[in-house]
Protein backbone atom coordinates (compact mmCIF):
# COMPACT_ATOMS: atom_id res chain seq x y z
CA MET A 1 171.14 135.78 132.33
CA THR A 2 169.25 134.52 129.33
CA THR A 3 166.35 132.05 129.62
CA LEU A 4 167.10 130.44 126.33
CA LYS A 5 167.88 126.73 126.48
CA PRO A 6 171.38 125.70 125.14
CA ILE A 7 172.25 123.79 122.02
CA ILE A 8 175.49 122.93 120.41
CA THR A 9 176.01 123.13 116.71
CA ILE A 10 178.83 121.66 114.60
CA CYS A 11 179.25 123.09 111.09
CA GLY A 12 181.94 122.52 108.46
CA THR A 13 182.81 120.99 105.10
CA THR A 14 182.22 117.44 103.94
CA GLY A 15 184.61 114.87 105.61
CA VAL A 16 186.13 117.16 108.11
CA GLY A 17 185.22 115.08 111.09
CA LYS A 18 182.10 116.61 112.39
CA SER A 19 180.44 113.39 113.41
CA LYS A 20 183.54 112.22 115.16
CA LEU A 21 183.62 115.37 117.26
CA SER A 22 179.93 115.26 118.01
CA ILE A 23 180.15 111.66 119.29
CA GLU A 24 183.20 112.51 121.39
CA LEU A 25 181.39 115.42 122.90
CA ALA A 26 178.23 113.39 123.52
CA LEU A 27 180.36 110.77 125.42
CA LYS A 28 181.84 113.50 127.45
CA LEU A 29 178.41 114.85 128.26
CA ALA A 30 177.30 111.33 129.34
CA GLN A 31 179.58 111.55 132.19
CA GLY A 32 177.49 114.51 133.62
CA ILE A 33 178.26 118.19 133.03
CA HIS A 34 176.58 120.96 135.12
CA GLY A 35 173.45 118.81 135.50
CA TRP A 36 173.17 117.64 131.92
CA THR A 37 173.25 113.85 131.76
CA GLY A 38 174.17 113.26 128.16
CA ALA A 39 173.43 114.32 124.54
CA ARG A 40 171.57 113.34 121.45
CA ILE A 41 172.97 114.21 117.89
CA ILE A 42 170.61 115.74 115.49
CA ASN A 43 171.63 115.47 111.86
CA ALA A 44 171.63 118.59 109.78
CA ASP A 45 173.02 117.19 106.56
CA SER A 46 170.35 117.42 103.80
CA MET A 47 171.69 114.06 102.25
CA GLN A 48 172.13 111.96 105.43
CA VAL A 49 168.47 112.04 106.11
CA TYR A 50 168.12 109.31 103.36
CA THR A 51 168.39 105.73 104.12
CA GLY A 52 171.61 103.90 103.17
CA MET A 53 174.27 105.41 100.90
CA ASP A 54 176.68 105.92 103.77
CA VAL A 55 179.76 106.49 101.53
CA ILE A 56 178.12 108.96 99.16
CA THR A 57 176.82 111.07 102.06
CA ASN A 58 179.86 110.48 104.25
CA LYS A 59 177.70 109.13 106.89
CA VAL A 60 179.43 107.86 110.16
CA PRO A 61 178.80 103.96 110.32
CA VAL A 62 176.45 102.69 113.10
CA ALA A 63 179.29 100.79 114.62
CA GLU A 64 181.24 103.91 115.12
CA ARG A 65 178.40 105.88 116.84
CA MET A 66 179.35 104.37 120.16
CA GLY A 67 175.70 103.98 121.17
CA VAL A 68 174.95 107.83 120.96
CA GLU A 69 171.50 108.29 119.47
CA HIS A 70 171.27 109.89 116.10
CA LEU A 71 168.13 111.65 115.16
CA LEU A 72 166.73 112.83 111.69
CA MET A 73 169.11 110.30 109.85
CA ASP A 74 168.31 107.36 107.73
CA PHE A 75 164.50 108.15 107.71
CA LYS A 76 163.75 109.19 104.27
CA GLN A 77 163.58 107.18 101.02
CA PRO A 78 166.04 108.12 98.37
CA GLY A 79 163.46 109.77 96.03
CA GLU A 80 161.61 111.69 98.71
CA GLN A 81 161.88 115.42 98.74
CA TYR A 82 162.66 117.00 102.12
CA VAL A 83 163.23 120.71 102.47
CA VAL A 84 164.50 123.15 105.02
CA GLY A 85 161.11 124.14 106.55
CA GLN A 86 160.30 120.44 107.22
CA TRP A 87 163.69 119.82 108.78
CA VAL A 88 163.47 122.92 111.07
CA GLN A 89 160.11 121.76 112.45
CA ASP A 90 161.52 118.26 113.02
CA ALA A 91 164.63 119.50 114.59
CA ILE A 92 162.66 121.86 116.93
CA LYS A 93 160.58 118.83 118.05
CA ALA A 94 163.73 116.58 118.64
CA ILE A 95 165.49 119.40 120.48
CA ASP A 96 162.44 119.91 122.84
CA GLU A 97 162.40 116.14 123.57
CA THR A 98 166.11 116.14 124.25
CA HIS A 99 166.01 119.08 126.71
CA GLN A 100 162.96 117.25 128.51
CA MET A 101 165.18 114.36 128.97
CA GLY A 102 167.95 116.44 130.62
CA MET A 103 170.28 116.10 127.73
CA ILE A 104 171.96 118.47 125.34
CA PRO A 105 171.02 118.54 121.60
CA ILE A 106 174.08 118.53 119.31
CA ILE A 107 173.08 119.57 115.81
CA VAL A 108 175.65 118.42 113.23
CA GLY A 109 175.95 118.77 109.56
CA GLY A 110 177.27 120.55 106.57
CA THR A 111 173.95 122.02 105.49
CA SER A 112 174.68 125.41 107.17
CA TYR A 113 171.65 126.95 105.61
CA TRP A 114 169.41 124.53 107.62
CA ILE A 115 171.37 125.45 110.91
CA GLN A 116 170.98 129.03 110.38
CA HIS A 117 167.24 128.70 109.83
CA LEU A 118 167.08 126.69 113.02
CA ILE A 119 168.98 129.28 115.00
CA PHE A 120 167.07 132.29 113.51
CA PRO A 121 163.21 131.97 113.30
CA ASN A 122 160.93 133.95 110.86
CA ARG A 123 163.36 133.87 107.96
CA LEU A 124 161.66 131.30 105.90
CA PRO A 125 159.03 132.32 103.25
CA ILE A 126 155.46 131.16 104.26
CA PRO A 127 153.11 129.69 101.53
CA ALA A 128 150.03 131.94 100.93
CA GLN A 129 146.73 131.40 99.47
CA SER A 130 146.54 134.73 97.57
CA LEU A 131 148.88 137.13 95.64
CA SER A 132 150.14 140.29 97.19
CA ASP A 133 148.85 143.50 95.36
CA SER A 134 152.34 144.04 93.81
CA VAL A 135 152.74 140.62 92.36
CA ALA A 136 149.00 140.60 91.11
CA ARG A 137 149.69 143.82 89.18
CA SER A 138 152.89 142.70 87.86
CA ILE A 139 151.36 139.36 86.49
CA ALA A 140 148.53 141.30 85.11
CA ASP A 141 150.96 143.38 82.97
CA LEU A 142 152.95 140.29 81.75
CA PRO A 143 152.94 139.76 77.99
CA PRO A 144 151.40 136.49 76.76
CA GLU A 145 154.80 134.82 76.45
CA LEU A 146 155.92 135.60 79.95
CA LEU A 147 152.59 134.76 81.46
CA GLU A 148 152.66 131.34 79.79
CA LEU A 149 156.19 130.83 81.21
CA PHE A 150 155.19 131.95 84.72
CA ASN A 151 152.10 129.49 84.57
CA ALA A 152 154.39 126.61 83.51
CA LEU A 153 157.83 127.04 85.05
CA PRO A 154 160.34 124.30 84.08
CA GLU A 155 160.90 121.62 86.58
CA GLN A 156 164.74 122.01 86.22
CA SER A 157 166.70 125.20 85.72
CA PRO A 158 167.81 125.39 82.07
CA SER A 159 171.65 125.53 81.32
CA ALA A 160 172.59 129.03 80.30
CA ALA A 161 175.41 127.44 78.33
CA SER A 162 173.34 125.15 76.16
CA ASN A 163 170.14 127.23 76.33
CA PRO A 164 170.92 130.94 76.59
CA GLN A 165 167.62 131.98 75.26
CA ASP A 166 165.70 130.10 77.78
CA ALA A 167 167.90 131.50 80.67
CA MET A 168 167.47 134.97 79.46
CA LEU A 169 163.62 134.46 79.21
CA LEU A 170 163.53 133.48 82.79
CA HIS A 171 165.64 136.44 83.78
CA LYS A 172 163.25 138.67 81.92
CA LEU A 173 160.24 137.17 83.68
CA LEU A 174 161.91 137.72 87.13
CA THR A 175 162.67 141.40 86.03
CA ALA A 176 159.16 141.92 85.30
CA LEU A 177 157.91 140.54 88.51
CA ASP A 178 160.60 141.74 90.95
CA GLU A 179 163.29 144.00 89.40
CA PRO A 180 165.21 144.76 92.66
CA VAL A 181 165.86 141.04 93.24
CA ALA A 182 166.47 140.24 89.55
CA GLN A 183 169.29 142.81 89.50
CA ARG A 184 171.10 140.85 92.04
CA TRP A 185 171.61 137.79 89.81
CA HIS A 186 173.57 137.19 86.63
CA TRP A 187 171.26 136.06 83.91
CA ARG A 188 173.25 132.91 83.61
CA ASP A 189 172.55 132.00 87.18
CA THR A 190 169.38 130.14 86.35
CA ARG A 191 169.23 128.24 89.61
CA LYS A 192 168.91 131.42 91.61
CA VAL A 193 166.46 132.90 89.05
CA MET A 194 164.28 129.84 89.34
CA GLY A 195 164.51 130.04 93.11
CA SER A 196 163.21 133.52 93.04
CA LEU A 197 160.50 132.58 90.77
CA ARG A 198 159.57 129.66 92.80
CA VAL A 199 159.30 131.94 95.89
CA ILE A 200 156.80 134.06 94.00
CA LYS A 201 154.80 130.95 92.97
CA ASP A 202 154.82 129.44 96.46
CA THR A 203 154.29 132.57 98.57
CA GLY A 204 152.30 134.96 96.38
CA LYS A 205 154.94 137.55 97.29
CA ALA A 206 157.91 138.99 95.61
CA PRO A 207 161.24 138.14 97.22
CA SER A 208 161.97 141.79 97.68
CA GLU A 209 158.73 142.18 99.64
CA ILE A 210 159.66 139.33 101.84
CA ILE A 211 163.05 140.78 102.35
CA ILE A 212 161.76 144.16 103.26
CA GLU A 213 159.31 142.49 105.74
CA GLN A 214 162.17 140.62 107.25
CA SER A 215 164.35 143.74 107.69
CA LYS A 216 161.65 144.81 110.29
CA ILE A 217 162.21 141.58 112.38
CA ALA A 218 165.35 141.61 114.75
CA LEU A 219 167.60 138.58 114.50
CA ILE A 220 166.72 136.87 117.80
CA PRO A 221 167.88 133.34 118.13
CA ARG A 222 165.69 130.42 119.26
CA TYR A 223 168.38 128.99 121.43
CA ARG A 224 171.47 129.99 123.40
CA THR A 225 173.77 128.27 120.73
CA LEU A 226 177.40 127.22 121.05
CA CYS A 227 178.67 127.18 117.35
CA PHE A 228 181.63 125.10 116.43
CA TRP A 229 183.25 125.38 112.98
CA LEU A 230 185.38 122.38 112.24
CA TYR A 231 187.92 123.32 109.61
CA ALA A 232 190.71 121.66 107.66
CA GLU A 233 192.99 123.09 105.14
CA PRO A 234 191.58 122.20 101.67
CA SER A 235 194.63 120.43 100.25
CA ILE A 236 194.71 118.06 103.29
CA LEU A 237 190.92 117.49 103.23
CA ASN A 238 190.84 116.75 99.55
CA ASP A 239 193.10 113.74 100.01
CA ARG A 240 190.89 112.37 102.74
CA LEU A 241 187.73 112.69 100.45
CA ASP A 242 189.47 111.03 97.58
CA ALA A 243 190.26 108.06 99.72
CA ARG A 244 186.63 107.03 100.20
CA GLU A 245 186.02 103.42 99.26
CA GLY A 246 182.87 101.38 98.26
CA LEU A 247 181.38 104.49 96.36
CA LEU A 248 180.60 102.73 93.11
CA ASP A 249 178.86 99.82 94.84
CA GLU A 250 176.70 102.42 96.49
CA ILE A 251 175.96 104.09 93.13
CA LYS A 252 174.86 100.88 91.60
CA GLN A 253 172.61 100.17 94.52
CA LEU A 254 171.08 103.55 94.33
CA ARG A 255 170.51 103.00 90.62
CA ALA A 256 168.86 99.78 91.53
CA ILE A 257 166.41 101.61 94.04
CA ALA A 258 165.72 104.35 91.43
CA SER A 259 164.60 101.62 88.84
CA SER A 260 162.62 99.38 91.43
CA PRO A 261 159.01 98.72 90.50
CA ALA A 262 158.12 100.39 93.83
CA ARG A 263 158.97 103.71 92.29
CA SER A 264 156.63 103.08 89.32
CA SER A 265 152.69 103.34 89.11
CA PRO A 266 150.98 100.61 91.23
CA ASP A 267 149.10 99.72 88.13
CA ALA A 268 152.19 99.17 85.96
CA ALA A 269 153.34 95.89 85.07
CA VAL A 270 156.15 94.53 87.29
CA THR A 271 159.04 94.50 85.04
CA GLU A 272 162.76 94.91 85.43
CA PRO A 273 163.81 98.00 83.56
CA SER A 274 167.08 98.13 81.78
CA ASP A 275 170.05 99.88 83.39
CA GLU A 276 170.05 102.50 80.68
CA SER A 277 166.40 103.30 81.10
CA ALA A 278 166.72 103.41 84.87
CA VAL A 279 169.50 106.06 84.63
CA GLN A 280 167.80 107.97 81.93
CA GLN A 281 164.64 108.17 84.10
CA THR A 282 166.22 109.35 87.36
CA ASP A 283 165.37 112.80 88.46
CA TYR A 284 168.49 114.48 89.74
CA THR A 285 166.64 117.36 91.39
CA VAL A 286 165.07 115.44 94.14
CA GLY A 287 166.00 113.37 97.17
CA ILE A 288 169.44 111.81 97.50
CA TYR A 289 169.90 111.69 93.71
CA GLN A 290 171.06 115.38 94.08
CA SER A 291 174.03 114.50 96.00
CA ILE A 292 177.53 114.70 94.61
CA GLY A 293 178.81 111.18 93.73
CA TYR A 294 175.73 110.00 92.09
CA LYS A 295 174.71 112.23 89.08
CA GLU A 296 178.42 112.34 87.91
CA PHE A 297 178.21 108.76 87.06
CA HIS A 298 175.13 109.08 84.74
CA ASP A 299 177.12 108.58 81.40
CA TYR A 300 179.00 105.76 82.84
CA LEU A 301 175.96 103.94 84.14
CA ALA A 302 173.96 104.66 81.00
CA SER A 303 176.54 103.31 78.70
CA PRO A 304 176.06 99.70 77.84
CA GLU A 305 179.76 99.07 77.82
CA HIS A 306 180.55 100.82 81.07
CA SER A 307 184.04 102.03 79.69
CA GLU A 308 187.06 102.78 81.75
CA LYS A 309 187.14 106.26 80.18
CA LEU A 310 183.76 107.18 81.38
CA PHE A 311 184.50 105.69 84.70
CA ALA A 312 187.60 107.89 85.16
CA SER A 313 185.77 110.83 83.97
CA ALA A 314 182.96 110.31 86.36
CA VAL A 315 185.44 109.98 89.26
CA GLU A 316 187.29 113.25 88.38
CA GLN A 317 183.82 115.06 88.00
CA MET A 318 182.80 113.73 91.53
CA LYS A 319 186.12 114.78 93.00
CA TYR A 320 185.76 118.18 91.36
CA GLY A 321 182.18 118.44 92.49
CA THR A 322 183.01 117.59 96.09
CA ARG A 323 185.78 120.32 96.24
CA GLN A 324 183.60 122.92 94.97
CA TYR A 325 180.84 122.15 97.46
CA ALA A 326 183.26 122.37 100.23
CA LYS A 327 184.20 125.96 98.93
CA ARG A 328 180.65 126.82 98.81
CA GLN A 329 180.18 125.51 102.32
CA ILE A 330 182.97 127.80 103.64
CA ARG A 331 181.63 130.72 101.62
CA TRP A 332 178.12 130.31 103.31
CA LEU A 333 179.78 130.20 106.68
CA ARG A 334 181.85 133.27 106.14
CA ASN A 335 179.37 135.35 104.14
CA LYS A 336 175.95 134.33 105.64
CA LEU A 337 176.22 132.62 108.97
CA LEU A 338 179.05 134.47 110.62
CA PRO A 339 177.63 137.95 109.81
CA ALA A 340 174.26 137.03 111.27
CA ILE A 341 175.89 135.64 114.37
CA TYR A 342 178.13 138.53 114.86
CA SER A 343 175.12 140.85 114.42
CA THR A 344 173.39 139.15 117.24
CA ASN A 345 176.32 139.25 119.35
CA SER A 346 176.93 142.97 118.66
CA GLY A 347 177.59 144.89 121.76
CA ARG A 348 178.41 141.75 123.82
CA ASP A 349 181.78 140.78 125.02
CA HIS A 350 182.79 137.38 123.73
CA THR A 351 182.84 136.25 127.33
CA VAL A 352 179.05 136.53 127.55
CA ALA A 353 178.04 136.23 123.93
CA LEU A 354 174.62 134.73 123.13
CA LEU A 355 175.96 132.86 120.19
CA PRO A 356 179.77 132.07 120.75
CA VAL A 357 181.40 130.68 117.70
CA TYR A 358 184.69 128.81 117.69
CA LEU A 359 186.85 127.51 114.88
CA LEU A 360 188.56 124.19 115.75
CA ASP A 361 191.51 123.24 113.47
CA ALA A 362 191.05 119.63 112.25
CA THR A 363 193.67 119.78 109.59
CA GLU A 364 195.87 117.29 111.36
CA LEU A 365 194.64 114.08 112.85
CA GLY A 366 196.04 111.81 115.61
CA ASP A 367 197.48 113.63 118.59
CA GLN A 368 196.87 117.06 116.98
CA TRP A 369 193.15 116.13 116.81
CA THR A 370 193.15 115.50 120.51
CA SER A 371 194.82 118.71 121.43
CA HIS A 372 193.36 121.00 118.75
CA VAL A 373 189.89 119.69 118.53
CA LEU A 374 188.76 117.49 121.29
CA ASN A 375 190.43 118.98 124.27
CA GLN A 376 189.58 122.51 123.30
CA GLY A 377 186.05 121.66 122.30
CA GLU A 378 185.38 119.87 125.66
CA HIS A 379 186.75 122.81 127.62
CA ILE A 380 184.63 125.29 125.80
CA VAL A 381 181.47 123.22 126.24
CA GLU A 382 182.10 122.91 129.88
CA ALA A 383 182.46 126.65 130.26
CA PHE A 384 179.44 127.30 128.04
CA LEU A 385 177.00 125.05 129.93
CA GLY A 386 178.27 126.29 133.22
CA ASN A 387 177.91 129.99 132.23
CA GLU A 388 181.51 130.44 132.98
CA THR A 389 183.78 133.03 131.30
CA LEU A 390 184.38 132.04 127.57
CA SER A 391 187.85 132.29 125.99
CA ASP A 392 188.41 134.54 123.09
CA PRO A 393 187.56 132.59 119.79
CA LEU A 394 190.43 134.31 117.90
CA SER A 395 193.05 133.08 120.41
CA LEU A 396 192.54 129.38 119.68
CA SER A 397 194.87 129.26 116.57
CA GLU A 398 196.06 131.46 113.69
CA ARG A 399 193.60 129.70 111.43
CA ALA A 400 190.76 130.60 113.86
CA ARG A 401 191.89 134.25 113.77
CA GLU A 402 192.08 134.18 109.93
CA MET A 403 188.91 132.42 109.18
CA LEU A 404 186.68 134.02 111.91
CA THR A 405 187.87 137.60 110.89
CA ILE A 406 185.51 138.83 108.26
CA ASP A 407 184.80 142.02 106.46
CA VAL A 408 181.76 143.87 107.87
CA LYS A 409 178.85 142.72 105.81
CA PRO A 410 175.31 143.91 105.64
CA THR A 411 172.91 141.63 107.65
CA SER A 412 169.67 143.77 107.32
CA PRO A 413 167.69 142.17 104.52
CA THR A 414 167.12 145.58 103.01
CA GLU A 415 170.91 146.17 103.02
CA ILE A 416 171.43 142.67 101.44
CA LEU A 417 168.87 143.50 98.69
CA ARG A 418 170.74 146.65 97.71
CA ALA A 419 174.14 144.79 97.54
CA ARG A 420 175.51 142.66 94.84
CA LYS A 421 173.60 144.38 92.07
CA LYS A 422 174.65 143.34 88.62
CA VAL A 423 175.25 145.77 85.70
CA VAL A 424 175.76 145.19 82.03
CA CYS A 425 179.18 146.29 80.53
CA PRO A 426 178.27 147.76 77.11
CA VAL A 427 181.84 147.52 75.92
CA CYS A 428 182.17 143.82 76.56
CA THR A 429 178.69 142.84 75.43
CA LEU A 430 179.48 141.23 72.18
CA ASP A 431 176.09 139.67 71.75
CA PRO A 432 173.34 141.95 72.84
CA SER A 433 170.96 138.89 73.56
CA GLN A 434 173.60 137.62 76.16
CA PRO A 435 174.85 140.78 77.92
CA PHE A 436 178.15 140.67 79.88
CA MET A 437 177.08 141.24 83.42
CA VAL A 438 179.37 142.26 86.35
CA GLU A 439 178.68 142.97 90.05
CA ASP A 440 178.57 146.71 90.69
CA GLY A 441 181.14 148.33 92.92
CA SER A 442 184.66 146.93 93.41
CA GLN A 443 184.08 144.09 90.89
CA TRP A 444 183.00 146.46 88.31
CA GLU A 445 186.08 148.71 88.84
CA ALA A 446 188.37 145.84 88.72
CA HIS A 447 186.65 144.72 85.28
CA ARG A 448 186.95 148.18 83.95
CA ARG A 449 190.83 147.91 84.57
CA SER A 450 191.15 144.57 83.24
CA ARG A 451 192.99 143.61 79.98
CA ALA A 452 190.00 142.27 78.39
CA HIS A 453 187.85 145.24 78.94
CA ARG A 454 190.45 147.59 77.77
CA GLY A 455 191.11 145.46 74.66
CA HIS A 456 187.34 145.62 73.80
CA ALA A 457 187.26 149.41 74.38
CA SER A 458 190.43 149.89 72.23
CA ARG A 459 188.95 147.67 69.53
CA ASP A 460 185.58 149.80 69.51
CA LYS A 461 187.46 152.99 69.55
CA LYS A 462 189.39 152.01 66.44
CA MET A 463 186.22 150.84 64.69
CA HIS A 464 183.97 153.80 65.59
CA GLY A 465 186.58 156.60 66.03
CA LYS A 466 185.56 157.49 69.59
CA ARG A 467 185.78 156.16 73.11
CA VAL A 468 182.87 153.94 74.09
CA ASN A 469 180.99 154.85 77.32
CA ARG A 470 182.49 152.98 80.10
CA HIS A 471 179.78 153.44 82.51
CA PRO A 472 177.75 150.26 83.39
CA ALA A 473 174.13 149.98 82.24
CA ILE A 474 171.33 148.10 84.00
CA HIS A 475 170.08 145.03 82.11
CA SER A 476 167.14 146.81 80.70
CA ASP A 477 169.28 149.12 78.73
CA ILE A 478 170.66 146.50 76.52
CA PRO A 479 168.37 145.41 73.84
CA SER A 480 168.31 141.59 72.91
CA LYS A 481 167.92 140.14 69.47
CA VAL A 482 164.35 139.37 70.31
CA ASP A 483 163.64 143.01 71.13
CA VAL A 484 164.96 144.13 67.75
CA GLU A 485 163.18 141.41 65.62
CA ASP A 486 159.99 140.99 67.57
CA GLN A 487 159.58 144.40 69.06
CA GLN A 488 158.80 142.75 72.39
CA ASP A 489 160.55 143.59 75.75
CA GLN A 490 162.56 140.26 76.14
CA HIS A 491 164.73 141.19 79.17
CA ARG A 492 165.66 138.15 81.34
CA ALA A 493 166.10 138.78 85.02
CA ILE A 494 167.70 136.68 87.64
CA GLU A 495 166.97 136.64 91.36
């Protein structure tokens, strides 16, 4: 019998009903289950930590919380930065307090990355005061241009579409500092490249060093965790998200907060900035301003005429962004969280799993919600807290069997480092300064058989009278225009 204390987590996409289920389970626990006298809900949504903006963040209204206490919600100002490490420490404190009260913590939110780091300790980079020997040597060998870039990294990731040279330069810098990690990312994925470079700046270690260190640490959870994945078919869920009301009023309110004198220097004159200047000055990389549903209205709010065309375009961008985010949430659950959970449960029957995980089908509301979500959830919670035999997660529904069944994926950080390596296709690289990159393995083989690749190969064969080498090349094998013109190694690497 494990001595780990129990918690419940509820993950899932935006708008699927996670808060509704958490409140219903908390009310059930308030009736008393196996000695527990109730529950407190701990928010795990990175945008719901901010005050106000309930529609943008899909926050459950206070009136609908049924008196259940919600923690780590509505306690940060819109422009404050609040990151995973801070949240994990705050969540641990809230969980400890809740257990001491004889209650069950229910951790709820769509930021599965946060929940994963709460469940599994020792996976977050730790800031350091000095550089590792490897990083120190790599920095010493940087040419002046890359050293200058490393010392003054841009605040925001450049767009590879509009600034490909800047994107490639960042990729080259990462390659020089940590080639194994750089090979995992496409040079156009500037967000991940910047993320890896920030890790080096913040920790003094190369990400590959951290990954290797983590590979020596077993995945041991902090808590005995019952994991619920609340799922709804995307086509149904999209209609629910599109029906949200009051969004534009919140966006205008958020714009007013962003332009308020309180955000300016204390010595500055208190003047009311124009709407246009307020929008132009907003930093969309911090706080709630990152949220989907605000930055999409930038052009509309910045326009003095607020045209209907710009408004309609903003609405469509918001809908598209929300749907793409929902897809990314599902990918994280299936590609990151589930493999980690299954690895921890390895060798254990589902009836005694340390981290049992269940998918509840929330596609249909009304009576279907009661039977497919609430009743099943309550039954599983009772069995979990009573250390009773747990049902087979795959038996709940066909959707559960489909979504919880995943290909075996590497969970060892070292194996992950070797995976997803990007290679350059010399046949499809039309501009050497912007190499065409594909993931090695099955994606490379699929690309090699694609019509586009065969077309380029046929063209080159006609032009040069011989078949072009179809073997992929690592990025450093492809010279860029800067290599040719300046005789400098200008490879851009992405984490």
